């Protein structure tokens, strides 16, 4: 097909690159830097004037956008058929970056730092539009493209609200999930769109980039009935915000909270989605997002356990490790393999050595009755009288032994108390609570180690199934009564692929009743049957590497615990034996003293 630009230069179209509801995009023969958009239906009037004005006032916006550079006609002076715009290649729609399943396919090397940087560049693209006095109007997940270098490009610019001088060309379309509360449910015809309203859609896109595709208004609702995203937006029910509970909302399970960001970025989200932002027009500007996202990126650190995990230095723990452990989802791919060296550690040999460390039985203390001692003779003054005097003394106790009997009674009492104390000490040394605690912990470690290989394989199989199911996107599946619009709603609730589908998850989403839910579940089950014949690909192995690393770390931890526990047991055993030896020495002395005290009292018998 041959067309003519506004300077009457002939333009020959090449192959068709894509087709949408409004038009189709074609290559240009002899021009690799530009493409052509041709409308399906004739356009005239305001739309024609808008395109001509955009061509005449590009203001170098082609760096960030697919801005029209020339209008095209079926013949010189004929009807306008379309326009020329820069060719955007090597880019993907932003939802293919923020959706975890899509990201692992289209951006396998992207980590959270990449997502933060991409969000920053989306804000920069919005700023370039706003600085020229224009607004995007219809902010949506398909009109924002991201490259492998995190560069942002805006397309569908012919739908933007454009202002040249006093003339405004309106944007009369919108996407509900990115439309601010004040415009929800309204006709866009003749509505003057504002940058503050664009800033709502910008905040939603940034939130989705930072929070794994979650929509900020898709949460759990504790009121009666359904709470679709459009209504939640209209009623400012920010599910992740500090005031979420007052709106009967809370975040969905297995999601991050705002603390994953710096406090300044968290405050931007609170402002963007607040009720005050509607009438005060106080949503964060694109420039504010640029400043604070730059600061967030500069504050990121790498997790010591997983280098693909990035989080800001203000956190004392890695939120990604916690989220992945709780959800069972791998969000970022690791490409370095950690093998499990199964030959360097013999668990049964180590366990046999541990079991051989025992506390000896408790020996008997010395028998005081078998200790031979000579009673201490009574001094002359203490000897009781004999004969008739002894009988009288027995009756009236006139003899004074100067306290000798009481002294010997006191010595016996002290010796008996000391012996009783020694016996209690000795019985307490029959076992050792620390030794027993170490034994229990080592038994648990041994049992866990024995099951580790099976658990590893089970988790690997489950992850491989999820990775397999992650390839099947709902939006492309052709499931009965599940079109693009319903697929978008599902994605806002974290359900992108077959791997995300469970009956309970789907049925809890407003608008998804038993029939639609069962359609999705049946589709998922049909894929699981096909999985039985599936063989892993190199990309699958990259995903599995994360679980391999986790079990390699746990295996190493348990090996260290078992080896270290052996040394701890030896230490506790030695300490107990040493304590026993000390108490036994004291017992020998105490036994002799008791035997002597008993013998010393027997002289009065």
Protein backbone atom coordinates (compact mmCIF):
# COMPACT_ATOMS: atom_id res chain seq x y z
CA UNK A 1 0.00 0.00 0.00
CA UNK A 2 1.23 3.49 -0.93
CA UNK A 3 0.28 6.56 1.10
CA UNK A 4 1.46 10.18 1.17
CA UNK A 5 2.69 12.22 4.13
CA UNK A 6 1.73 15.85 4.83
CA UNK A 7 4.61 16.97 2.58
CA UNK A 8 3.24 14.79 -0.27
CA UNK A 9 6.15 12.38 0.05
CA UNK A 10 5.14 8.81 -0.95
CA UNK A 11 5.31 6.20 1.84
CA UNK A 12 5.19 2.49 0.97
CA UNK A 13 3.94 0.20 3.71
CA UNK A 14 5.63 -3.09 4.53
CA UNK A 15 4.48 -5.98 6.70
CA UNK A 16 1.86 -5.68 9.41
CA UNK A 17 3.35 -5.72 12.92
CA UNK A 18 0.21 -5.70 15.02
CA UNK A 19 -3.48 -4.92 15.13
CA UNK A 20 -5.73 -3.36 17.74
CA UNK A 21 -9.27 -2.13 18.11
CA UNK A 22 -8.55 1.27 16.57
CA UNK A 23 -5.97 0.46 13.90
CA UNK A 24 -3.03 -1.58 12.66
CA UNK A 25 0.73 -0.91 12.67
CA UNK A 26 2.94 -1.50 9.60
CA UNK A 27 6.62 -1.23 8.75
CA UNK A 28 7.82 1.29 6.15
CA UNK A 29 9.84 0.04 3.21
CA UNK A 30 13.33 1.51 3.34
CA UNK A 31 12.87 2.95 6.86
CA UNK A 32 13.81 0.88 9.90
CA UNK A 33 13.44 3.70 12.44
CA UNK A 34 9.74 4.47 11.96
CA UNK A 35 6.42 2.66 11.59
CA UNK A 36 2.94 3.62 10.41
CA UNK A 37 -0.37 3.43 12.25
CA UNK A 38 -3.40 3.10 9.93
CA UNK A 39 -6.89 3.56 11.33
CA UNK A 40 -9.54 0.95 10.56
CA UNK A 41 -12.22 3.62 10.08
CA UNK A 42 -11.97 7.03 8.42
CA UNK A 43 -11.25 9.89 10.82
CA UNK A 44 -12.12 13.54 10.38
CA UNK A 45 -12.82 16.77 12.22
CA UNK A 46 -11.32 17.13 15.70
CA UNK A 47 -9.20 13.95 15.47
CA UNK A 48 -7.62 15.10 12.21
CA UNK A 49 -6.86 18.54 13.64
CA UNK A 50 -5.35 16.92 16.75
CA UNK A 51 -2.93 14.75 14.76
CA UNK A 52 -1.87 17.68 12.59
CA UNK A 53 -1.27 19.78 15.71
CA UNK A 54 0.79 16.98 17.29
CA UNK A 55 2.99 16.70 14.17
CA UNK A 56 3.52 20.47 14.17
CA UNK A 57 4.37 20.58 17.89
CA UNK A 58 6.39 17.48 18.69
CA UNK A 59 8.66 19.34 21.18
CA UNK A 60 11.15 16.46 20.95
CA UNK A 61 8.83 14.12 22.82
CA UNK A 62 9.90 11.25 20.59
CA UNK A 63 12.62 10.37 23.14
CA UNK A 64 9.96 9.10 25.57
CA UNK A 65 6.93 8.51 23.34
CA UNK A 66 5.69 7.21 20.03
CA UNK A 67 4.78 10.79 19.05
CA UNK A 68 3.42 11.33 15.52
CA UNK A 69 6.07 12.78 13.18
CA UNK A 70 3.92 12.95 10.01
CA UNK A 71 0.28 12.54 9.01
CA UNK A 72 -0.57 10.15 6.15
CA UNK A 73 -3.17 10.42 3.40
CA UNK A 74 -4.49 8.03 0.77
CA UNK A 75 -3.47 10.65 -1.81
CA UNK A 76 -2.18 14.23 -1.75
CA UNK A 77 -5.00 16.35 -0.36
CA UNK A 78 -7.06 13.23 0.36
CA UNK A 79 -8.53 11.79 3.55
CA UNK A 80 -6.25 11.26 6.55
CA UNK A 81 -5.54 7.54 6.99
CA UNK A 82 -2.98 7.47 9.80
CA UNK A 83 0.42 8.75 10.88
CA UNK A 84 4.12 7.95 11.13
CA UNK A 85 5.70 7.44 14.55
CA UNK A 86 9.03 6.19 15.92
CA UNK A 87 9.49 2.44 15.86
CA UNK A 88 9.67 1.02 19.38
CA UNK A 89 11.45 -2.35 19.36
CA UNK A 90 12.90 -4.42 22.20
CA UNK A 91 10.24 -3.13 24.62
CA UNK A 92 7.54 -4.99 26.51
CA UNK A 93 4.30 -3.76 28.05
CA UNK A 94 4.81 -2.75 31.68
CA UNK A 95 2.54 -5.50 33.04
CA UNK A 96 4.99 -8.04 31.60
CA UNK A 97 7.55 -6.56 33.98
CA UNK A 98 5.50 -6.12 37.13
CA UNK A 99 3.64 -9.46 36.84
CA UNK A 100 5.94 -12.11 38.46
CA UNK A 101 5.11 -14.85 35.94
CA UNK A 102 5.51 -12.61 32.88
CA UNK A 103 8.69 -11.08 34.31
CA UNK A 104 10.45 -14.44 34.62
CA UNK A 105 9.85 -14.93 30.89
CA UNK A 106 10.40 -11.42 29.48
CA UNK A 107 12.81 -9.95 32.08
CA UNK A 108 14.52 -12.99 33.63
CA UNK A 109 17.46 -10.96 34.97
CA UNK A 110 15.33 -8.21 36.58
CA UNK A 111 15.60 -7.75 40.36
CA UNK A 112 13.84 -5.28 42.63
CA UNK A 113 16.47 -2.60 41.90
CA UNK A 114 15.51 -2.92 38.22
CA UNK A 115 11.84 -2.51 39.13
CA UNK A 116 12.56 0.58 41.23
CA UNK A 117 14.62 2.07 38.39
CA UNK A 118 11.87 1.26 35.87
CA UNK A 119 9.30 2.95 38.10
CA UNK A 120 11.54 6.00 38.25
CA UNK A 121 11.77 6.10 34.46
CA UNK A 122 7.99 5.77 34.08
CA UNK A 123 7.70 8.85 36.28
CA UNK A 124 10.26 10.63 34.07
CA UNK A 125 8.19 9.86 30.96
CA UNK A 126 5.06 11.24 32.63
CA UNK A 127 6.99 14.37 33.60
CA UNK A 128 8.03 14.97 29.99
CA UNK A 129 4.35 14.99 28.97
CA UNK A 130 3.21 17.17 31.85
CA UNK A 131 6.05 19.67 31.31
CA UNK A 132 4.66 20.31 27.83
CA UNK A 133 1.17 21.03 29.20
CA UNK A 134 -0.33 17.72 28.04
CA UNK A 135 -1.88 14.89 30.01
CA UNK A 136 -1.99 11.18 29.24
CA UNK A 137 -5.60 10.76 30.32
CA UNK A 138 -6.01 7.05 29.62
CA UNK A 139 -3.24 5.66 31.81
CA UNK A 140 -3.15 1.88 31.45
CA UNK A 141 -0.84 -1.14 31.52
CA UNK A 142 -0.69 -1.49 27.72
CA UNK A 143 0.33 2.06 26.88
CA UNK A 144 3.59 1.97 28.88
CA UNK A 145 6.52 0.02 27.47
CA UNK A 146 9.78 -0.93 29.21
CA UNK A 147 13.07 -2.03 27.64
CA UNK A 148 15.64 -4.49 28.96
CA UNK A 149 17.59 -1.42 30.14
CA UNK A 150 14.55 -0.14 32.13
CA UNK A 151 13.95 2.68 29.62
CA UNK A 152 10.30 3.75 29.42
CA UNK A 153 8.39 4.59 26.25
CA UNK A 154 4.77 5.76 26.05
CA UNK A 155 2.61 4.69 23.11
CA UNK A 156 -0.95 5.42 21.94
CA UNK A 157 -0.09 9.10 22.15
CA UNK A 158 -2.92 10.00 19.76
CA UNK A 159 -5.31 9.35 22.66
CA UNK A 160 -3.50 11.84 24.98
CA UNK A 161 -5.13 15.10 25.98
CA UNK A 162 -3.13 17.65 24.01
CA UNK A 163 -3.03 21.40 24.62
CA UNK A 164 -1.60 23.93 22.19
CA UNK A 165 -2.14 27.52 23.27
CA UNK A 166 -5.78 27.87 24.24
CA UNK A 167 -6.86 24.86 22.22
CA UNK A 168 -7.41 21.56 24.05
CA UNK A 169 -7.90 18.23 22.29
CA UNK A 170 -9.56 15.97 24.84
CA UNK A 171 -8.86 12.40 25.84
CA UNK A 172 -12.28 10.77 25.87
CA UNK A 173 -11.33 7.26 26.99
CA UNK A 174 -10.08 5.72 30.22
CA UNK A 175 -9.24 2.45 31.95
CA UNK A 176 -11.15 1.99 35.24
CA UNK A 177 -8.33 0.39 37.25
CA UNK A 178 -6.12 3.46 36.66
CA UNK A 179 -8.85 6.12 36.83
CA UNK A 180 -8.94 8.33 39.95
CA UNK A 181 -11.95 8.35 42.31
CA UNK A 182 -13.30 11.67 41.04
CA UNK A 183 -13.66 10.30 37.50
CA UNK A 184 -14.85 6.75 38.27
CA UNK A 185 -18.07 5.90 36.45
CA UNK A 186 -18.20 9.18 34.53
CA UNK A 187 -18.22 9.88 30.82
CA UNK A 188 -14.92 11.39 29.65
CA UNK A 189 -16.51 13.29 26.79
CA UNK A 190 -15.63 16.98 27.12
CA UNK A 191 -13.87 16.44 30.49
CA UNK A 192 -10.70 18.47 30.97
CA UNK A 193 -8.17 16.00 32.38
CA UNK A 194 -5.58 17.23 34.88
CA UNK A 195 -2.02 16.23 35.69
CA UNK A 196 -3.18 15.44 39.24
CA UNK A 197 -5.49 12.78 37.75
CA UNK A 198 -2.65 11.35 35.67
CA UNK A 199 -0.67 11.19 38.91
CA UNK A 200 -3.21 8.74 40.33
CA UNK A 201 -2.62 6.34 37.42
CA UNK A 202 1.14 6.90 37.74
CA UNK A 203 1.01 5.94 41.44
CA UNK A 204 -0.94 2.76 40.59
CA UNK A 205 1.67 1.75 37.97
CA UNK A 206 4.55 2.45 40.38
CA UNK A 207 2.80 0.49 43.13
CA UNK A 208 2.34 -2.47 40.80
CA UNK A 209 6.00 -2.36 39.80
CA UNK A 210 7.19 -2.32 43.41
CA UNK A 211 4.61 -4.75 44.81
CA UNK A 212 4.71 -7.63 42.33
CA UNK A 213 1.75 -6.57 40.19
CA UNK A 214 -0.67 -6.14 43.08
CA UNK A 215 -3.26 -3.42 42.60
CA UNK A 216 -3.30 -1.01 45.56
CA UNK A 217 -7.10 -1.27 45.83
CA UNK A 218 -7.35 -5.07 45.46
CA UNK A 219 -7.47 -6.35 49.03
CA UNK A 220 -9.57 -8.30 51.49
CA UNK A 221 -12.88 -6.59 52.28
CA UNK A 222 -14.51 -7.28 55.64
CA UNK A 223 -17.86 -5.68 54.87
CA UNK A 224 -20.90 -7.28 53.28
CA UNK A 225 -21.08 -7.99 49.54
CA UNK A 226 -18.33 -7.65 46.94
CA UNK A 227 -15.77 -4.89 46.69
CA UNK A 228 -14.67 -4.60 43.02
CA UNK A 229 -11.57 -2.54 42.36
CA UNK A 230 -13.54 0.28 40.69
CA UNK A 231 -15.72 0.76 43.77
CA UNK A 232 -12.72 0.48 46.11
CA UNK A 233 -11.01 3.28 44.13
CA UNK A 234 -14.14 5.43 44.20
CA UNK A 235 -14.37 5.03 47.98
CA UNK A 236 -10.59 5.49 48.56
CA UNK A 237 -10.19 2.03 50.11
CA UNK A 238 -6.39 1.76 49.81
CA UNK A 239 -5.88 -1.83 50.97
CA UNK A 240 -2.22 -1.37 51.94
CA UNK A 241 -2.55 2.01 53.65
CA UNK A 242 -2.30 2.95 57.32
CA UNK A 243 -6.07 3.63 57.41
CA UNK A 244 -7.07 0.43 55.59
CA UNK A 245 -8.78 -1.07 58.65
CA UNK A 246 -11.04 1.99 59.00
CA UNK A 247 -12.18 1.26 55.43
CA UNK A 248 -12.78 -2.43 56.27
CA UNK A 249 -9.84 -3.43 54.07
CA UNK A 250 -6.55 -5.27 54.54
CA UNK A 251 -3.82 -6.47 52.14
CA UNK A 252 -4.27 -9.89 50.52
CA UNK A 253 -2.23 -12.79 51.95
CA UNK A 254 1.36 -13.31 50.80
CA UNK A 255 1.98 -9.68 49.90
CA UNK A 256 4.49 -7.06 50.97
CA UNK A 257 3.53 -4.09 53.11
CA UNK A 258 4.62 -0.48 52.68
CA UNK A 259 7.64 -0.96 54.97
CA UNK A 260 9.44 -2.58 52.03
CA UNK A 261 9.85 0.99 50.75
CA UNK A 262 11.54 3.88 52.49
CA UNK A 263 9.21 5.93 54.68
CA UNK A 264 9.26 8.78 52.14
CA UNK A 265 8.08 6.50 49.30
CA UNK A 266 5.42 5.01 51.59
CA UNK A 267 4.14 8.51 52.33
CA UNK A 268 3.88 9.22 48.60
CA UNK A 269 1.59 6.21 48.20
CA UNK A 270 -0.50 7.33 51.19
CA UNK A 271 -0.90 10.79 49.62
CA UNK A 272 -1.64 9.48 46.13
CA UNK A 273 -4.49 7.25 47.30
CA UNK A 274 -5.96 9.45 50.04
CA UNK A 275 -9.37 11.11 50.01
CA UNK A 276 -7.70 14.50 50.52
CA UNK A 277 -5.85 14.13 47.21
CA UNK A 278 -9.18 14.43 45.37
CA UNK A 279 -10.23 17.88 46.52
CA UNK A 280 -6.79 19.24 47.44
CA UNK A 281 -5.25 18.00 44.16
CA UNK A 282 -2.23 17.00 46.22
CA UNK A 283 -1.16 13.72 44.64
CA UNK A 284 2.63 13.35 44.29
CA UNK A 285 3.96 14.78 41.04
CA UNK A 286 6.13 12.84 38.64
CA UNK A 287 9.14 14.86 39.82
CA UNK A 288 8.50 13.86 43.45
CA UNK A 289 8.42 10.22 42.44
CA UNK A 290 11.70 10.63 40.54
CA UNK A 291 13.43 12.17 43.59
CA UNK A 292 12.24 9.62 46.12
CA UNK A 293 12.65 6.56 43.89
CA UNK A 294 16.22 7.64 43.14
CA UNK A 295 16.80 7.84 46.91
CA UNK A 296 15.24 4.39 47.39
CA UNK A 297 17.42 2.83 44.71
CA UNK A 298 20.55 4.35 46.25
CA UNK A 299 19.57 2.89 49.64
CA UNK A 300 19.25 -0.70 48.39
CA UNK A 301 21.44 -3.53 49.59
CA UNK A 302 21.79 -7.18 48.55
CA UNK A 303 20.59 -10.04 50.73
CA UNK A 304 23.43 -12.15 52.14
CA UNK A 305 21.43 -15.33 51.49
CA UNK A 306 20.24 -14.54 47.96
CA UNK A 307 22.01 -11.95 45.82
CA UNK A 308 18.91 -11.48 43.63
CA UNK A 309 17.07 -10.06 46.64
CA UNK A 310 17.43 -6.28 47.04
CA UNK A 311 15.95 -4.27 49.90
CA UNK A 312 16.59 -0.91 51.52
CA UNK A 313 19.17 -0.56 54.27
CA UNK A 314 16.62 0.59 56.83
CA UNK A 315 15.24 -2.96 57.13
CA UNK A 316 16.84 -5.45 59.54
CA UNK A 317 15.76 -8.47 57.48
CA UNK A 318 15.23 -9.46 53.84
CA UNK A 319 11.49 -9.15 53.04
CA UNK A 320 11.91 -11.24 49.88
CA UNK A 321 13.26 -14.26 51.75
CA UNK A 322 10.29 -14.01 54.11
CA UNK A 323 7.78 -13.57 51.28
CA UNK A 324 9.20 -16.41 49.18
CA UNK A 325 9.26 -18.76 52.18
CA UNK A 326 5.65 -17.92 53.07
CA UNK A 327 4.20 -17.91 49.56
CA UNK A 328 6.31 -20.61 47.91
CA UNK A 329 6.77 -18.28 44.91
CA UNK A 330 10.17 -17.42 43.47
CA UNK A 331 10.00 -13.75 42.48
CA UNK A 332 13.51 -13.24 41.10
CA UNK A 333 15.60 -15.74 39.17
CA UNK A 334 19.11 -16.69 40.21
CA UNK A 335 21.53 -17.91 37.57
CA UNK A 336 24.38 -19.14 39.76
CA UNK A 337 24.16 -22.77 40.68
CA UNK A 338 24.92 -24.13 44.12
CA UNK A 339 25.45 -27.88 44.09
CA UNK A 340 24.83 -30.27 46.95
CA UNK A 341 27.99 -32.26 47.72
CA UNK A 342 26.45 -35.36 49.20
CA UNK A 343 29.78 -37.18 49.68
CA UNK A 344 31.55 -34.80 52.02
CA UNK A 345 29.35 -35.55 55.03
CA UNK A 346 28.36 -39.00 56.30
CA UNK A 347 25.28 -38.45 58.43
CA UNK A 348 25.18 -41.99 59.88
CA UNK A 349 28.84 -41.88 60.86
CA UNK A 350 28.38 -38.52 62.57
CA UNK A 351 25.19 -39.67 64.29
CA UNK A 352 26.90 -42.84 65.53
CA UNK A 353 29.61 -40.70 67.15
CA UNK A 354 26.97 -38.45 68.72
CA UNK A 355 25.09 -41.42 70.18
CA UNK A 356 28.32 -42.78 71.65
CA UNK A 357 28.64 -39.68 73.84
CA UNK A 358 26.82 -40.71 77.01
CA UNK A 359 26.81 -39.60 80.62
CA UNK A 360 28.16 -42.39 82.89
CA UNK A 361 25.86 -43.86 85.52
CA UNK A 362 26.02 -42.20 88.88
CA UNK A 363 28.26 -44.06 91.35
CA UNK A 364 27.27 -44.61 94.98
CA UNK A 365 28.53 -42.24 97.64
CA UNK A 366 30.80 -43.61 100.42
CA UNK A 367 28.97 -45.67 103.08
CA UNK A 368 29.55 -43.95 106.43
CA UNK A 369 28.90 -47.19 108.31
CA UNK A 370 31.90 -48.81 106.67
CA UNK A 371 34.30 -46.04 107.59
CA UNK A 372 36.46 -47.02 110.55
CA UNK A 373 37.08 -44.21 113.01
CA UNK A 374 38.29 -44.06 116.63
CA UNK A 375 35.85 -42.21 118.92
CA UNK A 376 37.31 -39.15 120.52
CA UNK A 377 37.72 -39.94 124.23
CA UNK A 378 35.86 -37.77 126.69
CA UNK A 379 38.04 -35.40 128.67
CA UNK A 380 38.30 -36.21 132.38
CA UNK A 381 36.02 -33.35 133.38
CA UNK A 382 33.35 -34.61 131.00
CA UNK A 383 33.30 -38.23 132.17
CA UNK A 384 30.05 -38.90 134.04
CA UNK A 385 30.30 -40.22 137.66
CA UNK A 386 29.89 -43.94 138.27
CA UNK A 387 28.38 -46.09 141.05
CA UNK A 388 25.86 -44.49 143.44
CA UNK A 389 26.95 -41.03 142.24
CA UNK A 390 26.19 -42.05 138.69
CA UNK A 391 22.66 -43.14 139.68
CA UNK A 392 22.07 -39.86 141.47
CA UNK A 393 23.49 -37.91 138.50
CA UNK A 394 21.13 -39.79 136.18
CA UNK A 395 18.21 -38.67 138.37
CA UNK A 396 19.11 -35.05 139.11
CA UNK A 397 21.93 -34.19 136.59
CA UNK A 398 24.23 -32.54 139.09
CA UNK A 399 27.44 -33.31 137.08
CA UNK A 400 28.78 -30.46 134.91
CA UNK A 401 30.50 -31.73 131.68
CA UNK A 402 31.18 -28.12 130.61
CA UNK A 403 29.02 -28.50 127.43
CA UNK A 404 30.88 -31.46 125.97
CA UNK A 405 27.70 -33.44 125.17
CA UNK A 406 26.03 -30.41 123.51
CA UNK A 407 29.20 -29.70 121.56
CA UNK A 408 29.23 -33.24 120.21
CA UNK A 409 25.48 -33.11 119.42
CA UNK A 410 26.02 -29.88 117.47
CA UNK A 411 28.93 -31.45 115.56
CA UNK A 412 26.71 -34.41 114.66
CA UNK A 413 23.88 -32.16 113.48
CA UNK A 414 26.30 -30.15 111.30
CA UNK A 415 27.80 -33.33 109.85
CA UNK A 416 24.33 -34.74 109.08
CA UNK A 417 23.24 -31.50 107.38
CA UNK A 418 26.42 -31.41 105.33
CA UNK A 419 25.90 -35.02 104.31
CA UNK A 420 22.28 -34.38 103.35
CA UNK A 421 23.40 -31.44 101.21
CA UNK A 422 26.09 -33.60 99.55
CA UNK A 423 23.53 -36.30 98.75
CA UNK A 424 21.21 -33.77 97.08
CA UNK A 425 24.12 -32.35 95.10
CA UNK A 426 25.11 -35.83 94.00
CA UNK A 427 21.61 -36.80 92.84
CA UNK A 428 21.38 -33.55 90.88
CA UNK A 429 24.45 -34.70 88.94
CA UNK A 430 22.67 -37.83 87.73
CA UNK A 431 21.85 -35.99 84.50
CA UNK A 432 22.46 -32.57 82.88
CA UNK A 433 19.61 -30.43 81.46
CA UNK A 434 21.91 -28.70 78.97
CA UNK A 435 23.27 -32.07 77.78
CA UNK A 436 19.73 -33.39 77.35
CA UNK A 437 18.62 -30.23 75.51
CA UNK A 438 21.56 -30.53 73.09
CA UNK A 439 20.66 -34.20 72.53
CA UNK A 440 17.05 -33.30 71.68
CA UNK A 441 18.15 -30.56 69.28
CA UNK A 442 20.63 -32.91 67.61
CA UNK A 443 17.96 -35.61 67.29
CA UNK A 444 15.68 -33.08 65.57
CA UNK A 445 18.55 -31.98 63.30
CA UNK A 446 19.31 -35.63 62.45
CA UNK A 447 15.67 -36.35 61.60
CA UNK A 448 15.41 -33.19 59.49
CA UNK A 449 18.65 -34.04 57.69
CA UNK A 450 17.38 -37.55 56.89
CA UNK A 451 14.22 -36.04 55.34
CA UNK A 452 15.99 -33.16 53.62
CA UNK A 453 16.56 -34.89 50.29
CA UNK A 454 12.90 -35.96 50.05
CA UNK A 455 11.65 -32.50 50.99
CA UNK A 456 14.04 -31.00 48.45
CA UNK A 457 12.73 -33.22 45.68
CA UNK A 458 9.08 -32.60 46.67
CA UNK A 459 9.59 -28.84 46.67
CA UNK A 460 11.50 -29.05 43.40
CA UNK A 461 8.64 -30.98 41.80
CA UNK A 462 6.04 -28.54 43.14
CA UNK A 463 8.08 -25.57 41.91
CA UNK A 464 8.61 -27.19 38.51
CA UNK A 465 4.84 -27.71 38.23
CA UNK A 466 4.26 -24.09 39.15
CA UNK A 467 6.92 -22.95 36.65
CA UNK A 468 5.27 -25.08 33.98
CA UNK A 469 1.81 -23.69 34.78
CA UNK A 470 3.27 -20.18 34.86
CA UNK A 471 3.78 -20.46 31.08
CA UNK A 472 0.04 -20.53 30.48
CA UNK A 473 -1.35 -17.01 30.74
CA UNK A 474 -5.06 -16.64 31.37
CA UNK A 475 -5.37 -13.72 28.96
CA UNK A 476 -4.22 -15.92 26.05
CA UNK A 477 -5.95 -19.18 27.03
CA UNK A 478 -9.31 -18.72 25.34
CA UNK A 479 -11.18 -19.96 28.42
CA UNK A 480 -14.95 -19.82 28.15
CA UNK A 481 -16.26 -16.37 29.25
CA UNK A 482 -12.79 -15.22 30.34
CA UNK A 483 -11.73 -12.38 28.05
CA UNK A 484 -9.09 -9.65 28.31
CA UNK A 485 -11.14 -7.57 30.75
CA UNK A 486 -11.70 -10.40 33.21
CA UNK A 487 -8.06 -11.46 32.83
CA UNK A 488 -7.04 -7.94 33.85
CA UNK A 489 -9.24 -8.13 36.96
CA UNK A 490 -7.68 -11.49 37.88
CA UNK A 491 -4.16 -10.07 37.40
CA UNK A 492 -4.98 -7.21 39.78
CA UNK A 493 -5.59 -9.84 42.44
CA UNK A 494 -2.30 -11.61 41.68
CA UNK A 495 -3.78 -14.28 39.37
CA UNK A 496 -1.96 -14.16 36.01
CA UNK A 497 -1.40 -17.75 35.02
CA UNK A 498 -2.63 -21.29 35.60
CA UNK A 499 -0.16 -21.54 38.51
CA UNK A 500 -2.09 -18.91 40.44
CA UNK A 501 -5.48 -20.61 40.18
CA UNK A 502 -7.27 -22.23 43.10
CA UNK A 503 -11.00 -22.41 43.53
CA UNK A 504 -10.96 -20.36 46.74
CA UNK A 505 -8.69 -17.65 45.34
CA UNK A 506 -10.77 -17.12 42.22
CA UNK A 507 -14.18 -17.40 43.88
CA UNK A 508 -13.24 -14.71 46.42
CA UNK A 509 -12.84 -12.12 43.63
CA UNK A 510 -15.91 -9.93 42.96
CA UNK A 511 -17.68 -10.96 39.76
CA UNK A 512 -16.32 -14.53 39.67
CA UNK A 513 -19.09 -16.95 40.54
CA UNK A 514 -19.10 -20.78 40.51
CA UNK A 515 -19.28 -21.14 36.71
CA UNK A 516 -16.38 -18.83 35.85
CA UNK A 517 -14.34 -20.20 38.75
CA UNK A 518 -14.88 -23.80 37.66
CA UNK A 519 -13.97 -22.94 34.06
CA UNK A 520 -10.60 -21.69 35.29
CA UNK A 521 -10.04 -24.65 37.63
CA UNK A 522 -10.89 -27.17 34.88
CA UNK A 523 -8.46 -25.48 32.51
CA UNK A 524 -5.74 -25.64 35.16
CA UNK A 525 -6.39 -29.36 35.82
CA UNK A 526 -6.13 -30.15 32.11
CA UNK A 527 -2.68 -28.58 32.08
CA UNK A 528 -1.58 -30.51 35.17
CA UNK A 529 -2.36 -33.78 33.37
CA UNK A 530 -0.08 -32.75 30.50
CA UNK A 531 2.68 -31.94 33.00
CA UNK A 532 3.30 -35.66 33.61
CA UNK A 533 5.20 -35.84 30.28
CA UNK A 534 7.04 -32.53 30.73
CA UNK A 535 10.83 -32.29 30.75
CA UNK A 536 12.59 -29.26 32.34
CA UNK A 537 14.20 -26.62 30.12
CA UNK A 538 17.35 -24.59 30.92
CA UNK A 539 15.10 -21.72 32.05
CA UNK A 540 13.32 -24.09 34.42
CA UNK A 541 16.67 -25.04 35.94
CA UNK A 542 17.35 -21.35 36.60
CA UNK A 543 14.09 -21.16 38.55
CA UNK A 544 14.85 -24.39 40.41
CA UNK A 545 18.25 -23.02 41.35
CA UNK A 546 16.62 -20.87 44.04
CA UNK A 547 15.22 -23.90 45.85
CA UNK A 548 18.52 -25.76 45.33
CA UNK A 549 20.33 -22.87 47.02
CA UNK A 550 17.87 -22.91 49.91
CA UNK A 551 18.40 -26.61 50.57
CA UNK A 552 22.16 -26.32 50.10
CA UNK A 553 22.20 -23.64 52.78
CA UNK A 554 19.98 -25.68 55.10
CA UNK A 555 22.08 -28.81 54.52
CA UNK A 556 25.21 -26.84 55.42
CA UNK A 557 23.51 -25.40 58.52
CA UNK A 558 22.47 -28.85 59.73
CA UNK A 559 25.92 -30.31 59.09
CA UNK A 560 27.50 -27.51 61.11
CA UNK A 561 24.90 -28.00 63.85
CA UNK A 562 25.56 -31.75 64.06
CA UNK A 563 29.33 -31.39 64.01
CA UNK A 564 29.21 -28.53 66.50
CA UNK A 565 26.68 -30.40 68.65
CA UNK A 566 29.10 -33.30 69.00
CA UNK A 567 31.68 -30.93 70.46
CA UNK A 568 29.04 -29.37 72.73
CA UNK A 569 28.03 -32.78 74.08
CA UNK A 570 31.66 -33.68 74.81
CA UNK A 571 32.09 -30.37 76.62
CA UNK A 572 28.94 -30.84 78.74
CA UNK A 573 29.88 -34.47 79.51
CA UNK A 574 33.38 -33.48 80.61
CA UNK A 575 32.03 -30.62 82.71
CA UNK A 576 29.56 -32.96 84.43
CA UNK A 577 32.21 -35.60 85.15
CA UNK A 578 34.51 -32.92 86.51
CA UNK A 579 31.74 -31.63 88.78
CA UNK A 580 31.02 -35.17 89.99
CA UNK A 581 34.69 -35.67 90.86
CA UNK A 582 34.69 -32.46 92.85
CA UNK A 583 31.50 -33.37 94.76
CA UNK A 584 32.76 -36.90 95.39
CA UNK A 585 35.93 -35.56 97.01
CA UNK A 586 33.78 -33.36 99.23
CA UNK A 587 31.59 -36.41 99.98
CA UNK A 588 34.59 -38.42 101.22
CA UNK A 589 35.51 -35.64 103.64
CA UNK A 590 31.88 -35.18 104.73
CA UNK A 591 31.43 -38.94 105.23
CA UNK A 592 34.48 -39.14 107.46
CA UNK A 593 33.23 -36.19 109.50
CA UNK A 594 29.79 -37.77 109.87
CA UNK A 595 31.26 -41.14 110.88
CA UNK A 596 33.48 -39.40 113.41
CA UNK A 597 30.59 -37.36 114.84
CA UNK A 598 28.45 -40.49 115.13
CA UNK A 599 31.26 -42.35 116.88
CA UNK A 600 31.90 -39.43 119.20
CA UNK A 601 28.27 -39.52 120.36
CA UNK A 602 28.30 -43.28 120.93
CA UNK A 603 30.68 -42.86 123.87
CA UNK A 604 27.64 -41.71 125.83
CA UNK A 605 25.76 -44.95 125.13
